[in-house]
Every structure is written in C-alpha cells, then in structure tokens.
Amino acid sequence: MVEHVVQQLGIAEIGWMSRYLERKPTRHVHRAEIQAHYGYRDFSEPP
C-alpha cells in the first residue's frame, strides 16, 4: 500500500520512512499539527 501511495505522489526515495516512526511521539505530534491546521476533530468529540 505504501508503495502505491509513493508512486502516486512521485516520491523517488522512501528510505527515510523507516526512520520516521523510530521516535514514537513524532506521529502523534504530526497528527495533532495536521488536525489543528485543517480543523479536523476526533470522531469521539461531540459535534
């Protein structure tokens, strides 16, 4: 699946992806930044 998305986005090098999740808080920090930027809410939050 990742390979398919990489191909669609035209990303040539994906070696860095394995290092991305080495620091566990990174994914949560980035999720929160994206959520705040686009105004997304958790499904558990009331409307």
Protein backbone atom coordinates (compact mmCIF):
# COMPACT_ATOMS: atom_id res chain seq x y z
CA MET A 1 0.00 0.00 0.00
CA VAL A 2 2.76 2.47 0.89
CA GLU A 3 4.46 1.73 -2.42
CA HIS A 4 1.25 2.62 -4.25
CA VAL A 5 0.92 5.97 -2.48
CA VAL A 6 4.62 6.73 -3.03
CA GLN A 7 4.18 6.06 -6.73
CA GLN A 8 1.08 8.28 -6.91
CA LEU A 9 2.90 11.13 -5.18
CA GLY A 10 6.00 10.71 -7.31
CA ILE A 11 8.34 10.27 -4.35
CA ALA A 12 11.67 8.85 -5.52
CA GLU A 13 13.34 7.98 -2.21
CA ILE A 14 11.50 6.33 0.69
CA GLY A 15 14.44 5.15 2.81
CA TRP A 16 13.68 7.83 5.38
CA MET A 17 10.24 6.35 6.08
CA SER A 18 11.60 3.54 8.24
CA ARG A 19 13.26 6.14 10.47
CA TYR A 20 10.12 8.28 10.69
CA LEU A 21 8.44 6.07 13.27
CA GLU A 22 11.54 5.38 15.36
CA ARG A 23 10.57 8.24 17.67
CA LYS A 24 7.09 7.29 18.82
CA PRO A 25 5.83 10.79 19.73
CA THR A 26 6.58 12.05 16.20
CA ARG A 27 3.47 10.51 14.67
CA HIS A 28 1.28 11.97 17.43
CA VAL A 29 2.82 15.43 17.13
CA HIS A 30 2.34 15.45 13.36
CA ARG A 31 -1.21 14.14 13.68
CA ALA A 32 -2.05 16.94 16.09
CA GLU A 33 -0.47 19.56 13.81
CA ILE A 34 -2.44 18.32 10.79
CA GLN A 35 -5.63 18.11 12.85
CA ALA A 36 -5.22 21.68 14.11
CA HIS A 37 -4.24 23.08 10.71
CA TYR A 38 -7.25 21.63 8.88
CA GLY A 39 -9.71 21.87 11.78
CA TYR A 40 -10.27 18.12 11.99
CA ARG A 41 -11.90 16.68 15.10
CA ASP A 42 -11.72 13.24 16.66
CA PHE A 43 -14.72 11.03 15.97
CA SER A 44 -15.27 10.77 19.71
CA GLU A 45 -15.76 14.56 20.04
CA PRO A 46 -19.35 15.75 20.02
CA PRO A 47 -20.30 17.99 17.06
